[in-house]
Amino acid sequence: MYVKLNLPQVDLKFKQTGDIHLVYDVIRKKYIQITPEEWVRQHIIHYCIQLKYPKTLMAVETGLKMFAVLNRTDVLIYNRMGKPWMLIECKAPEVKLNQNAFQQALRYHLNLSVQYLVLSNGMQHFCFEVCNNELLLQKNMPAFPL
């Protein structure tokens, strides 16, 4: 149905309404229309769950107002203190993770001050730790802080 991603295989629930294909989002607790970007987002969410990131601390497509414009973060993960900890920006598999994608994530970071920025198109993934205003590329996504 959709391209095989460079992420662990997950068991997603699907349904169809007329010509519209839907996938169940375990965070939003509802069926969402499948788009290439949503396909990546659902795989990333399940990967985070496999990494033991608490579902209760994840938010999907959260509104973020920047310069009087409403944006939406793909996946935002909070720490146990309720502060934004990781921002994950998802793109469709055919979208290159270029400077524009990085700048979008950085703009969101300016409002959220996350410790980690992740970009993924399902094929490539970049995880950066933000440390003293520097982006440090990580080999893997970090363990969730206790």
Protein backbone atom coordinates (compact mmCIF):
# COMPACT_ATOMS: atom_id res chain seq x y z
CA MET A 1 0.00 0.00 0.00
CA TYR A 2 2.73 2.47 1.04
CA VAL A 3 6.48 2.34 0.73
CA LYS A 4 8.47 0.26 3.17
CA LEU A 5 10.21 2.64 5.54
CA ASN A 6 13.61 2.46 7.19
CA LEU A 7 11.91 1.98 10.56
CA PRO A 8 10.85 -1.14 12.46
CA GLN A 9 7.71 -2.77 11.15
CA VAL A 10 4.64 -1.90 13.21
CA ASP A 11 1.16 -3.33 13.56
CA LEU A 12 -1.16 -0.53 12.47
CA LYS A 13 -4.97 -0.69 12.42
CA PHE A 14 -6.67 0.38 9.21
CA LYS A 15 -10.17 1.00 7.98
CA GLN A 16 -11.72 2.44 4.86
CA THR A 17 -14.62 4.87 4.49
CA GLY A 18 -15.62 5.01 0.85
CA ASP A 19 -12.43 5.78 -1.05
CA ILE A 20 -10.66 7.17 2.02
CA HIS A 21 -8.06 4.97 3.74
CA LEU A 22 -7.63 5.59 7.45
CA VAL A 23 -5.09 4.54 10.08
CA TYR A 24 -5.66 4.47 13.82
CA ASP A 25 -3.54 6.94 15.78
CA VAL A 26 -2.89 5.56 19.28
CA ILE A 27 -2.04 9.03 20.61
CA ARG A 28 -5.00 10.97 19.23
CA LYS A 29 -7.18 7.87 19.75
CA LYS A 30 -8.96 8.17 16.42
CA TYR A 31 -8.66 7.18 12.78
CA ILE A 32 -6.74 9.60 10.57
CA GLN A 33 -6.63 9.76 6.78
CA ILE A 34 -3.45 8.15 5.50
CA THR A 35 -1.13 10.44 3.59
CA PRO A 36 2.54 9.73 2.92
CA GLU A 37 3.48 12.06 5.81
CA GLU A 38 0.94 10.40 8.13
CA TRP A 39 2.41 7.01 7.19
CA VAL A 40 5.81 8.21 8.41
CA ARG A 41 4.34 9.88 11.51
CA GLN A 42 2.55 6.69 12.59
CA HIS A 43 5.73 4.64 12.20
CA ILE A 44 7.72 7.21 14.18
CA ILE A 45 5.10 7.22 16.96
CA HIS A 46 5.26 3.43 17.23
CA TYR A 47 9.05 3.51 17.16
CA CYS A 48 9.01 5.96 20.08
CA ILE A 49 6.66 3.62 21.94
CA GLN A 50 9.11 0.76 21.28
CA LEU A 51 11.83 2.98 22.78
CA LYS A 52 9.65 3.20 25.93
CA TYR A 53 8.69 6.86 25.46
CA PRO A 54 5.42 7.21 27.43
CA LYS A 55 2.38 7.59 25.18
CA THR A 56 0.83 9.86 27.80
CA LEU A 57 3.65 12.37 27.24
CA MET A 58 3.27 12.49 23.44
CA ALA A 59 1.26 15.05 21.51
CA VAL A 60 0.53 14.89 17.79
CA GLU A 61 -0.11 17.90 15.56
CA THR A 62 -0.10 20.36 18.43
CA GLY A 63 -0.88 23.94 17.50
CA LEU A 64 2.05 26.32 17.75
CA LYS A 65 1.57 30.04 17.10
CA MET A 66 4.58 31.75 15.56
CA PHE A 67 4.51 35.33 14.31
CA ALA A 68 0.68 35.30 14.27
CA VAL A 69 0.68 32.14 12.13
CA LEU A 70 -0.64 28.83 13.46
CA ASN A 71 1.71 25.92 12.77
CA ARG A 72 1.45 22.29 13.84
CA THR A 73 4.23 20.20 15.31
CA ASP A 74 4.19 16.61 14.04
CA VAL A 75 5.15 14.87 17.28
CA LEU A 76 6.04 16.62 20.50
CA ILE A 77 7.26 14.60 23.48
CA TYR A 78 7.25 16.10 26.95
CA ASN A 79 9.49 15.18 29.88
CA ARG A 80 8.00 14.12 33.20
CA MET A 81 7.97 17.76 34.34
CA GLY A 82 5.63 18.66 31.47
CA LYS A 83 8.24 20.58 29.48
CA PRO A 84 8.80 19.95 25.75
CA TRP A 85 11.71 17.52 25.50
CA MET A 86 11.77 16.29 21.88
CA LEU A 87 10.32 17.63 18.67
CA ILE A 88 9.92 15.22 15.76
CA GLU A 89 9.31 16.70 12.34
CA CYS A 90 8.01 14.19 9.78
CA LYS A 91 8.08 14.48 6.03
CA ALA A 92 6.73 12.21 3.30
CA PRO A 93 9.25 9.59 2.08
CA GLU A 94 9.77 11.39 -1.22
CA VAL A 95 10.55 14.71 0.51
CA LYS A 96 14.24 15.38 0.94
CA LEU A 97 15.43 16.34 4.40
CA ASN A 98 17.04 19.53 3.20
CA GLN A 99 17.80 22.94 4.68
CA ASN A 100 14.11 23.94 4.56
CA ALA A 101 13.10 20.97 6.75
CA PHE A 102 15.88 21.74 9.22
CA GLN A 103 14.95 25.42 9.35
CA GLN A 104 11.30 24.55 10.00
CA ALA A 105 12.30 22.37 12.96
CA LEU A 106 14.64 25.08 14.24
CA ARG A 107 11.85 27.69 14.07
CA TYR A 108 9.67 25.41 16.18
CA HIS A 109 12.58 24.92 18.59
CA LEU A 110 12.82 28.69 19.09
CA ASN A 111 9.33 28.60 20.60
CA LEU A 112 9.61 25.28 22.42
CA SER A 113 13.25 25.06 23.56
CA VAL A 114 13.41 21.28 23.22
CA GLN A 115 16.48 19.26 24.12
CA TYR A 116 16.20 17.06 21.01
CA LEU A 117 15.21 17.74 17.40
CA VAL A 118 14.42 14.79 15.13
CA LEU A 119 13.75 14.92 11.41
CA SER A 120 12.54 11.90 9.47
CA ASN A 121 11.07 11.10 6.09
CA GLY A 122 10.88 7.44 7.03
CA MET A 123 13.97 6.66 4.98
CA GLN A 124 16.49 9.01 6.59
CA HIS A 125 16.47 10.14 10.21
CA PHE A 126 18.45 12.82 11.95
CA CYS A 127 18.48 13.30 15.71
CA PHE A 128 20.17 16.35 17.18
CA GLU A 129 20.75 17.27 20.78
CA VAL A 130 20.52 21.01 21.33
CA CYS A 131 23.36 21.93 23.66
CA ASN A 132 24.54 25.51 24.29
CA ASN A 133 22.88 26.69 21.05
CA GLU A 134 24.69 23.99 19.06
CA LEU A 135 23.14 21.05 17.26
CA LEU A 136 24.99 17.85 18.07
CA LEU A 137 24.17 14.99 15.71
CA GLN A 138 23.35 11.80 17.64
CA LYS A 139 23.86 8.22 16.44
CA ASN A 140 20.52 7.14 17.90
CA MET A 141 17.48 8.58 19.55
CA PRO A 142 18.10 8.98 23.29
CA ALA A 143 16.60 6.93 26.10
CA PHE A 144 13.68 8.66 27.75
CA PRO A 145 14.82 10.44 30.95
CA LEU A 146 13.70 8.81 34.18
